[in-house]
Amino acid sequence: MRSTELFEASALGLPEDIRHWKEAGYFDKAIALIDRRLKDDLPQCMRDNYLVQREQLARFARNFPWTKEAGLKRVQEAIPDFTMAELEEYMDSGRITWHFVNGEPHLIGSFFGTLSKTVPAFAARLPKEPVDPAKVSHEQLDRTGRLDRSVRVMREKGSMSARIRMRASLRIKDEYFVPGETYRVWLPIPAACIQQSEIEIVACSSQPTFVAPEDADQRTVYWEETMQENHPFWVEYSYVHTAPFSDPDTVKADPVQPDFYTGEHAPNIVFTPFVKALCAELSEGTDDPIEKARRFYNYVTEKVTYSFVPDYFILDGIAETCLKTRRGDCGVQALAFITLCRCAGIPAKWQSGLVADPESVGSHDWAMFYVAPKGWMFADPSFGGSAFRAGNEERHKHYFGNLDVYRCVTVNGYQQPYQPPMEFWRHDPYDNQVGEVEDSKRAYLRGEVEHDQEMVEFQEI
């Protein structure tokens, strides 16, 4: 199955009758109508579109498990005097992502985490408990001291480097393991890029079937094994990560700029009428690509609120939706920035992998943009937005042009196939941060697999 390619066709959307059922949350009905359409003589592009849309519909409800009543009860476990009126206000203000499921409003599974992270008034009412880095997502940790130091060191020395050693693992949960099945397993590993060198695979759980080349867009180590007993797959690797410093204020752009990485990439990097209008409005009065990119970065970091989102698999038009709703997680914000840049003729692309610091490891996405004669620079709207909301202008400015040393890059291309490609639907058809598994019949969903990334050694150079 060409799953990553099929997703381009999903930008065609659904016909009105099926769309109505989807919007009301009657997913089984919408799937039944798609199955009827698939029996017709269709153009291949529409057939591909229906195949993706059908799989999205099949996964939709699991992303929205909380009824309003159940969500209220969940919050009241931590804040006993929290009311339904308050919950509904957070829904109406866009702080809680929700969707109809069989005609009834359901809240996204991560709604509590989003409120805890992004709404200070809500967080202030929560019981104060010590933070255990091993039990919270990397987005919830306070790294301000480390990041502020990184900003200073990079500016003073021109770069900052570290030798990093980590272990990534993946294991099928016992209740989903099938003895005698042949499993195909992909785990991400460091990829060659501007920031990374001296990449080495130190050890593996067993001899891999294939290791993708260092310049692979989405680099992985791959196993194919017929398993009688369940066991984890793991890889330990090391690399040197160097974060270079750039000062966009000192760049004088050439009068003619390149046109690579300036096109659309459906379904999520699309120049819709709204994207074009916003791009033109933000670009008004300047022809300087640096200034345009800065305005796009400022818009995303200052206007978009961080919010956990459903699986990317089920999202449509990620960049436009982010710019309209003004909320989204790190990858959603990165795509919004990339799309605005490309719409303005500024080369921009995706880079992602892990936040990798001595305290914890977690998935993260960011962006790159290109201005001649300087070349590639970086933008991290998520980290920049956090700095803006904290009133840290120095760090907010830093993440336009720069990143930090606490990274592991596994992805240099968005919506790209693995090597070798998967046969079935990937859990994440766009990114590659924690790995994927499939057997002879299907691919496994994220909740059916245990993932872990562990920092083994971090040594600043």
Protein backbone atom coordinates (compact mmCIF):
# COMPACT_ATOMS: atom_id res chain seq x y z
CA MET A 1 0.00 0.00 0.00
CA ARG A 2 1.36 3.45 -0.93
CA SER A 3 0.01 4.94 2.28
CA THR A 4 2.16 8.08 2.36
CA GLU A 5 1.32 8.80 -1.29
CA LEU A 6 -2.38 8.04 -0.84
CA PHE A 7 -2.64 10.81 1.72
CA GLU A 8 -2.02 13.40 -0.97
CA ALA A 9 -5.34 12.40 -2.54
CA SER A 10 -7.20 12.96 0.76
CA ALA A 11 -7.08 16.71 0.06
CA LEU A 12 -9.97 16.08 -2.36
CA GLY A 13 -12.30 15.84 0.64
CA LEU A 14 -15.66 14.12 1.02
CA PRO A 15 -18.89 14.71 -0.89
CA GLU A 16 -21.55 16.62 1.00
CA ASP A 17 -23.70 13.70 2.15
CA ILE A 18 -20.79 11.72 3.63
CA ARG A 19 -19.29 14.88 5.13
CA HIS A 20 -22.53 15.57 7.01
CA TRP A 21 -22.41 12.13 8.66
CA LYS A 22 -18.75 12.62 9.57
CA GLU A 23 -19.36 16.06 11.07
CA ALA A 24 -22.21 14.67 13.19
CA GLY A 25 -19.98 11.82 14.35
CA TYR A 26 -21.87 8.95 12.71
CA PHE A 27 -18.70 7.35 11.48
CA ASP A 28 -20.14 3.88 10.75
CA LYS A 29 -22.74 5.46 8.47
CA ALA A 30 -20.07 7.49 6.67
CA ILE A 31 -17.92 4.38 6.20
CA ALA A 32 -20.90 2.46 4.79
CA LEU A 33 -21.48 5.21 2.21
CA ILE A 34 -17.81 5.20 1.24
CA ASP A 35 -17.96 1.42 0.76
CA ARG A 36 -20.88 1.93 -1.63
CA ARG A 37 -18.90 4.53 -3.60
CA LEU A 38 -15.88 2.25 -3.82
CA LYS A 39 -17.99 -0.27 -5.77
CA ASP A 40 -18.46 2.34 -8.52
CA ASP A 41 -16.18 3.06 -11.45
CA LEU A 42 -14.13 5.90 -9.96
CA PRO A 43 -11.09 7.92 -11.02
CA GLN A 44 -8.04 6.56 -9.24
CA CYS A 45 -7.51 9.83 -7.37
CA MET A 46 -11.00 9.64 -5.87
CA ARG A 47 -10.58 5.96 -5.03
CA ASP A 48 -7.34 6.76 -3.20
CA ASN A 49 -9.10 9.61 -1.41
CA TYR A 50 -11.90 7.33 -0.23
CA LEU A 51 -9.43 4.73 1.04
CA VAL A 52 -7.69 7.31 3.23
CA GLN A 53 -10.94 8.92 4.37
CA ARG A 54 -12.36 5.52 5.29
CA GLU A 55 -9.37 4.69 7.47
CA GLN A 56 -9.54 8.11 9.11
CA LEU A 57 -13.20 7.57 9.97
CA ALA A 58 -12.43 4.16 11.47
CA ARG A 59 -9.91 5.80 13.84
CA PHE A 60 -11.83 8.95 14.69
CA ALA A 61 -13.88 7.96 17.74
CA ARG A 62 -10.90 6.58 19.69
CA ASN A 63 -9.40 10.08 19.69
CA PHE A 64 -12.47 11.51 21.43
CA PRO A 65 -13.27 9.11 24.30
CA TRP A 66 -14.73 11.55 26.88
CA THR A 67 -18.38 12.53 27.02
CA LYS A 68 -18.92 15.90 28.67
CA GLU A 69 -20.17 14.18 31.81
CA ALA A 70 -17.17 11.84 31.96
CA GLY A 71 -14.81 14.74 31.28
CA LEU A 72 -16.35 16.77 34.08
CA LYS A 73 -15.94 13.85 36.46
CA ARG A 74 -12.29 13.53 35.41
CA VAL A 75 -11.61 17.19 36.22
CA GLN A 76 -13.54 17.03 39.49
CA GLU A 77 -11.21 14.27 40.69
CA ALA A 78 -8.54 17.00 40.84
CA ILE A 79 -10.72 20.12 41.24
CA PRO A 80 -13.88 19.15 43.17
CA ASP A 81 -15.66 22.49 42.67
CA PHE A 82 -15.16 22.56 38.89
CA THR A 83 -18.49 23.00 37.08
CA MET A 84 -20.09 21.96 33.80
CA ALA A 85 -20.40 25.65 32.91
CA GLU A 86 -16.63 26.02 33.18
CA LEU A 87 -16.07 22.94 31.03
CA GLU A 88 -18.41 24.28 28.35
CA GLU A 89 -16.70 27.67 28.43
CA TYR A 90 -13.35 25.97 27.72
CA MET A 91 -15.02 24.16 24.82
CA ASP A 92 -16.54 27.37 23.45
CA SER A 93 -13.26 29.29 23.77
CA GLY A 94 -11.36 26.60 21.88
CA ARG A 95 -9.31 25.47 24.87
CA ILE A 96 -10.82 21.97 24.61
CA THR A 97 -10.88 20.19 21.27
CA TRP A 98 -14.07 18.20 20.79
CA HIS A 99 -16.09 16.42 18.11
CA PHE A 100 -19.47 14.82 17.80
CA VAL A 101 -19.54 11.03 18.24
CA ASN A 102 -22.94 9.62 17.28
CA GLY A 103 -24.40 13.09 17.63
CA GLU A 104 -23.07 13.71 21.14
CA PRO A 105 -20.13 16.04 21.96
CA HIS A 106 -17.02 14.12 22.97
CA LEU A 107 -13.77 15.62 24.28
CA ILE A 108 -10.30 14.78 22.99
CA GLY A 109 -8.50 12.24 25.17
CA SER A 110 -5.76 14.74 26.07
CA PHE A 111 -8.07 17.60 27.10
CA PHE A 112 -6.99 17.53 30.75
CA GLY A 113 -3.30 17.71 29.83
CA THR A 114 -3.94 20.63 27.48
CA LEU A 115 -5.76 22.61 30.18
CA SER A 116 -3.04 21.81 32.72
CA LYS A 117 -0.30 23.00 30.35
CA THR A 118 -1.87 26.00 28.64
CA VAL A 119 -4.37 27.57 31.06
CA PRO A 120 -2.62 29.09 34.11
CA ALA A 121 -5.91 29.66 35.96
CA PHE A 122 -6.78 25.98 35.57
CA ALA A 123 -3.29 24.80 36.54
CA ALA A 124 -3.35 26.98 39.66
CA ARG A 125 -6.36 25.04 40.97
CA LEU A 126 -4.66 21.66 40.65
CA PRO A 127 -3.14 19.98 43.70
CA LYS A 128 0.58 20.74 43.92
CA GLU A 129 2.58 17.55 43.51
CA PRO A 130 6.31 17.03 42.89
CA VAL A 131 7.11 16.55 39.19
CA ASP A 132 8.60 13.18 38.27
CA PRO A 133 10.28 13.59 34.85
CA ALA A 134 9.80 9.89 34.15
CA LYS A 135 6.02 10.21 34.41
CA VAL A 136 5.24 13.39 32.48
CA SER A 137 5.57 14.37 28.85
CA HIS A 138 8.56 16.46 27.90
CA GLU A 139 6.26 19.42 27.12
CA GLN A 140 5.31 19.68 30.80
CA LEU A 141 8.83 19.99 32.18
CA ASP A 142 10.36 23.34 33.10
CA ARG A 143 13.63 23.65 31.15
CA THR A 144 13.89 27.42 31.25
CA GLY A 145 17.28 27.54 33.01
CA ARG A 146 18.91 25.06 30.66
CA LEU A 147 17.46 26.68 27.54
CA ASP A 148 18.40 30.20 28.65
CA ARG A 149 21.99 29.02 29.17
CA SER A 150 21.94 27.38 25.73
CA VAL A 151 20.89 30.70 24.17
CA ARG A 152 23.81 32.49 25.86
CA VAL A 153 26.42 29.86 24.99
CA MET A 154 25.38 29.66 21.34
CA ARG A 155 25.47 33.44 20.95
CA GLU A 156 28.86 33.79 22.70
CA LYS A 157 30.64 30.82 21.07
CA GLY A 158 28.81 30.56 17.74
CA SER A 159 27.56 27.03 18.45
CA MET A 160 27.02 24.46 21.19
CA SER A 161 27.82 20.74 20.92
CA ALA A 162 27.13 17.56 22.86
CA ARG A 163 27.90 13.88 22.48
CA ILE A 164 24.65 12.02 23.09
CA ARG A 165 23.95 8.33 23.61
CA MET A 166 20.40 7.01 23.75
CA ARG A 167 18.39 3.81 23.58
CA ALA A 168 15.05 3.44 21.79
CA SER A 169 12.82 0.41 22.27
CA LEU A 170 9.52 -0.97 21.07
CA ARG A 171 7.47 -3.93 22.27
CA ILE A 172 4.10 -5.27 21.21
CA LYS A 173 1.78 -5.43 24.20
CA ASP A 174 1.19 -9.02 25.28
CA GLU A 175 -2.56 -8.86 24.68
CA TYR A 176 -1.97 -8.07 21.00
CA PHE A 177 0.96 -10.39 20.35
CA VAL A 178 0.26 -13.34 18.01
CA PRO A 179 2.70 -16.27 18.30
CA GLY A 180 3.96 -17.50 14.94
CA GLU A 181 3.34 -14.17 13.21
CA THR A 182 6.03 -12.49 11.13
CA TYR A 183 6.57 -9.00 12.50
CA ARG A 184 8.14 -6.06 10.70
CA VAL A 185 9.50 -3.41 13.04
CA TRP A 186 10.91 0.06 12.36
CA LEU A 187 12.71 2.15 15.02
CA PRO A 188 13.97 5.68 14.29
CA ILE A 189 17.70 6.41 14.51
CA PRO A 190 19.76 9.60 14.03
CA ALA A 191 19.95 10.92 10.48
CA ALA A 192 22.72 12.92 8.87
CA CYS A 193 21.91 16.64 8.77
CA ILE A 194 23.41 20.05 9.40
CA GLN A 195 23.49 19.43 13.14
CA GLN A 196 24.57 15.79 13.47
CA SER A 197 27.82 13.88 12.91
CA GLU A 198 29.73 10.85 14.20
CA ILE A 199 26.54 8.77 14.12
CA GLU A 200 27.06 5.24 15.38
CA ILE A 201 24.78 2.30 16.11
CA VAL A 202 26.26 0.96 19.32
CA ALA A 203 24.12 -2.14 19.90
CA CYS A 204 20.81 -3.78 18.92
CA SER A 205 18.50 -6.34 20.46
CA SER A 206 19.33 -8.59 17.48
CA GLN A 207 20.89 -8.27 14.06
CA PRO A 208 18.74 -5.83 12.04
CA THR A 209 17.41 -6.90 8.67
CA PHE A 210 18.18 -3.48 7.22
CA VAL A 211 19.59 -0.13 8.35
CA ALA A 212 18.53 2.87 6.29
CA PRO A 213 21.35 5.08 4.98
CA GLU A 214 22.24 8.16 7.00
CA ASP A 215 20.71 10.47 4.39
CA ALA A 216 17.28 8.76 4.46
CA ASP A 217 14.45 11.27 4.82
CA GLN A 218 13.00 9.22 7.68
CA ARG A 219 15.81 7.06 8.96
CA THR A 220 15.12 3.76 10.72
CA VAL A 221 16.61 0.44 11.70
CA TYR A 222 14.39 -2.43 10.53
CA TRP A 223 13.76 -6.00 11.68
CA GLU A 224 11.70 -8.75 10.11
CA GLU A 225 11.20 -11.71 12.41
CA THR A 226 8.80 -14.62 12.88
CA MET A 227 8.22 -14.62 16.62
CA GLN A 228 7.08 -17.49 18.80
CA GLU A 229 7.56 -15.51 22.01
CA ASN A 230 7.12 -11.80 22.59
CA HIS A 231 10.19 -9.66 23.21
CA PRO A 232 11.26 -6.03 22.82
CA PHE A 233 13.22 -4.63 19.90
CA TRP A 234 15.78 -2.00 20.82
CA VAL A 235 18.64 0.00 19.40
CA GLU A 236 21.30 2.01 21.20
CA TYR A 237 23.05 4.75 19.28
CA SER A 238 25.37 7.71 19.75
CA TYR A 239 25.99 10.90 17.81
CA VAL A 240 27.40 14.39 18.11
CA HIS A 241 24.83 17.16 17.89
CA THR A 242 26.03 20.69 17.15
CA ALA A 243 23.56 23.58 17.30
CA PRO A 244 24.93 26.43 15.14
CA PHE A 245 24.06 30.03 15.95
CA SER A 246 22.51 32.33 13.35
CA ASP A 247 21.50 35.94 13.69
CA PRO A 248 18.83 36.63 11.07
CA ASP A 249 19.14 40.37 11.81
CA THR A 250 22.55 40.37 10.14
CA VAL A 251 21.43 38.59 6.94
CA LYS A 252 21.01 40.70 3.82
CA ALA A 253 18.99 38.62 1.39
CA ASP A 254 20.03 38.22 -2.25
CA PRO A 255 17.67 39.86 -4.72
CA VAL A 256 16.93 36.48 -6.31
CA GLN A 257 16.03 33.55 -4.06
CA PRO A 258 15.86 29.80 -4.88
CA ASP A 259 12.53 28.09 -5.47
CA PHE A 260 13.17 24.64 -3.98
CA TYR A 261 10.88 23.58 -1.09
CA THR A 262 8.34 26.25 -2.05
CA GLY A 263 5.57 24.01 -3.39
CA GLU A 264 2.45 22.55 -1.85
CA HIS A 265 2.42 19.07 -0.33
CA ALA A 266 -1.17 17.88 0.06
CA PRO A 267 -3.08 17.31 2.24
CA ASN A 268 -1.52 19.57 4.87
CA ILE A 269 0.79 22.07 3.14
CA VAL A 270 -1.78 23.68 0.85
CA PHE A 271 -2.15 27.30 -0.31
CA THR A 272 -5.86 27.69 0.36
CA PRO A 273 -7.59 31.05 -0.17
CA PHE A 274 -7.30 31.72 3.57
CA VAL A 275 -3.58 30.86 3.67
CA LYS A 276 -2.95 33.12 0.67
CA ALA A 277 -4.91 35.98 2.22
CA LEU A 278 -3.15 35.69 5.58
CA CYS A 279 0.25 35.38 3.89
CA ALA A 280 -0.43 38.55 1.88
CA GLU A 281 -1.66 40.44 4.95
CA LEU A 282 1.36 39.49 7.06
CA SER A 283 3.74 40.29 4.16
CA GLU A 284 2.30 43.71 3.42
CA GLY A 285 4.90 46.42 3.03
CA THR A 286 8.01 44.26 2.69
CA ASP A 287 9.79 42.22 0.01
CA ASP A 288 12.49 41.00 2.40
CA PRO A 289 12.20 37.21 2.92
CA ILE A 290 13.80 37.44 6.37
CA GLU A 291 11.23 39.98 7.50
CA LYS A 292 8.38 37.93 6.03
CA ALA A 293 9.59 34.75 7.76
CA ARG A 294 9.94 36.67 11.03
CA ARG A 295 6.37 37.95 10.76
CA PHE A 296 5.11 34.41 10.09
CA TYR A 297 7.06 33.14 13.11
CA ASN A 298 5.75 35.95 15.31
CA TYR A 299 2.17 35.28 14.20
CA VAL A 300 2.37 31.57 15.03
CA THR A 301 4.24 32.03 18.32
CA GLU A 302 2.13 34.95 19.53
CA LYS A 303 -1.34 34.03 18.23
CA VAL A 304 -1.38 30.22 18.32
CA THR A 305 -1.90 28.52 21.70
CA TYR A 306 -0.19 25.20 22.34
CA SER A 307 -2.74 22.41 22.43
CA PHE A 308 -2.53 18.63 22.26
CA VAL A 309 -4.28 17.39 19.14
CA PRO A 310 -5.79 14.13 17.85
CA ASP A 311 -3.64 11.68 15.90
CA TYR A 312 -2.28 13.42 12.82
CA PHE A 313 -3.70 10.51 10.83
CA ILE A 314 -7.26 11.84 11.18
CA LEU A 315 -6.52 15.55 10.74
CA ASP A 316 -7.39 17.43 7.54
CA GLY A 317 -5.55 20.50 6.30
CA ILE A 318 -3.34 20.76 9.37
CA ALA A 319 -1.68 24.09 8.53
CA GLU A 320 -4.87 25.93 7.58
CA THR A 321 -6.76 24.54 10.57
CA CYS A 322 -4.00 25.74 12.90
CA LEU A 323 -4.02 29.22 11.38
CA LYS A 324 -7.82 29.43 11.61
CA THR A 325 -8.34 27.96 15.09
CA ARG A 326 -5.04 29.35 16.39
CA ARG A 327 -4.17 26.26 18.38
CA GLY A 328 -2.04 23.19 17.86
CA ASP A 329 0.95 21.20 19.08
CA CYS A 330 4.59 21.50 17.98
CA GLY A 331 4.16 19.76 14.62
CA VAL A 332 0.94 21.59 13.79
CA GLN A 333 2.64 24.93 14.51
CA ALA A 334 5.68 23.95 12.46
CA LEU A 335 3.46 23.08 9.48
CA ALA A 336 1.66 26.43 9.78
CA PHE A 337 4.99 28.29 9.65
CA ILE A 338 6.28 26.14 6.76
CA THR A 339 3.09 26.69 4.76
CA LEU A 340 3.16 30.46 5.18
CA CYS A 341 6.83 30.56 4.16
CA ARG A 342 6.28 28.45 1.07
CA CYS A 343 3.22 30.47 0.09
CA ALA A 344 5.48 33.55 0.18
CA GLY A 345 8.13 31.82 -1.96
CA ILE A 346 10.50 31.20 0.97
CA PRO A 347 11.98 27.65 0.95
CA ALA A 348 10.91 25.83 4.10
CA LYS A 349 10.89 22.21 5.23
CA TRP A 350 10.18 19.91 8.12
CA GLN A 351 12.67 18.49 10.60
CA SER A 352 11.82 16.42 13.64
CA GLY A 353 12.81 13.72 16.05
CA LEU A 354 13.32 14.02 19.78
CA VAL A 355 13.97 16.50 22.52
CA ALA A 356 17.01 14.83 24.07
CA ASP A 357 18.35 16.37 27.25
CA PRO A 358 19.74 14.94 30.50
CA GLU A 359 16.33 15.19 32.15
CA SER A 360 14.09 13.40 29.68
CA VAL A 361 13.44 12.42 26.09
CA GLY A 362 10.28 13.13 24.08
CA SER A 363 8.95 13.58 20.55
CA HIS A 364 9.23 17.01 18.96
CA ASP A 365 8.85 18.76 15.56
CA TRP A 366 10.20 22.05 14.19
CA ALA A 367 10.95 23.82 10.90
CA MET A 368 13.78 25.00 8.66
CA PHE A 369 13.75 27.93 6.25
CA TYR A 370 16.25 29.07 3.63
CA VAL A 371 17.41 32.56 2.70
CA ALA A 372 20.31 33.08 0.28
CA PRO A 373 23.16 33.79 0.78
CA LYS A 374 22.94 32.60 4.42
CA GLY A 375 21.38 29.20 3.69
CA TRP A 376 19.28 27.07 6.02
CA MET A 377 18.15 28.41 9.38
CA PHE A 378 15.74 27.02 11.94
CA ALA A 379 12.46 27.98 13.56
CA ASP A 380 10.79 26.29 16.52
CA PRO A 381 7.36 27.91 16.94
CA SER A 382 6.47 25.70 19.90
CA PHE A 383 9.54 26.58 21.98
CA GLY A 384 9.32 30.17 20.77
CA GLY A 385 5.67 30.37 21.77
CA SER A 386 6.46 29.06 25.26
CA ALA A 387 9.13 31.74 25.64
CA PHE A 388 6.73 34.44 24.43
CA ARG A 389 4.03 33.44 26.92
CA ALA A 390 6.65 33.41 29.69
CA GLY A 391 7.73 36.94 28.77
CA ASN A 392 11.23 35.77 27.79
CA GLU A 393 11.88 37.91 24.70
CA GLU A 394 15.52 36.80 24.33
CA ARG A 395 14.56 33.15 24.06
CA HIS A 396 11.53 33.97 21.89
CA LYS A 397 13.84 35.76 19.47
CA HIS A 398 16.40 32.93 19.61
CA TYR A 399 14.05 30.27 18.22
CA PHE A 400 13.68 32.29 15.02
CA GLY A 401 16.89 31.23 13.30
CA ASN A 402 18.11 28.76 15.91
CA LEU A 403 17.37 25.65 17.93
CA ASP A 404 19.37 24.19 20.83
CA VAL A 405 21.70 21.28 21.39
CA TYR A 406 19.09 19.12 23.11
CA ARG A 407 17.82 17.34 19.99
CA CYS A 408 17.98 14.10 18.05
CA VAL A 409 17.09 14.49 14.36
CA THR A 410 15.53 11.37 12.84
CA VAL A 411 13.48 13.07 10.10
CA ASN A 412 14.60 15.40 7.31
CA GLY A 413 11.52 15.02 5.12
CA TYR A 414 7.79 15.28 5.79
CA GLN A 415 5.36 12.57 4.64
CA GLN A 416 8.08 10.28 3.30
CA PRO A 417 8.14 6.45 3.16
CA TYR A 418 10.30 4.23 5.30
CA GLN A 419 13.07 2.07 3.87
CA PRO A 420 11.74 -0.54 3.28
CA PRO A 421 8.20 0.88 3.03
CA MET A 422 5.35 -0.37 5.20
CA GLU A 423 2.67 -2.55 3.63
CA PHE A 424 -0.20 -1.27 5.79
CA TRP A 425 -1.35 2.04 7.28
CA ARG A 426 1.26 3.74 9.43
CA HIS A 427 0.03 5.12 12.74
CA ASP A 428 1.68 8.40 11.74
CA PRO A 429 1.90 8.72 7.94
CA TYR A 430 3.86 11.98 8.13
CA ASP A 431 6.46 11.67 10.88
CA ASN A 432 8.88 9.16 12.45
CA GLN A 433 9.64 9.55 16.15
CA VAL A 434 8.89 6.34 18.05
CA GLY A 435 8.58 3.65 15.38
CA GLU A 436 5.99 1.40 13.79
CA VAL A 437 5.03 -2.30 13.74
CA GLU A 438 3.05 -4.47 11.35
CA ASP A 439 2.44 -8.17 10.89
CA SER A 440 1.20 -10.09 7.87
CA LYS A 441 -2.35 -8.74 8.25
CA ARG A 442 -2.21 -5.20 9.62
CA ALA A 443 -0.21 -2.39 11.21
CA TYR A 444 -0.45 -1.81 14.95
CA LEU A 445 -1.94 1.28 16.56
CA ARG A 446 0.01 3.34 19.08
CA GLY A 447 -1.98 1.98 22.02
CA GLU A 448 -1.11 -1.60 21.05
CA VAL A 449 2.64 -1.03 21.31
CA GLU A 450 4.92 0.08 24.13
CA HIS A 451 7.54 2.68 23.19
CA ASP A 452 10.43 4.06 25.16
CA GLN A 453 13.34 6.43 24.55
CA GLU A 454 16.02 6.58 27.22
CA MET A 455 18.93 8.96 27.67
CA VAL A 456 22.02 6.86 28.36
CA GLU A 457 24.68 9.57 28.39
CA PHE A 458 24.76 13.31 27.65
CA GLN A 459 28.17 14.97 27.54
CA GLU A 460 28.50 18.63 26.60
CA ILE A 461 31.55 19.19 24.42
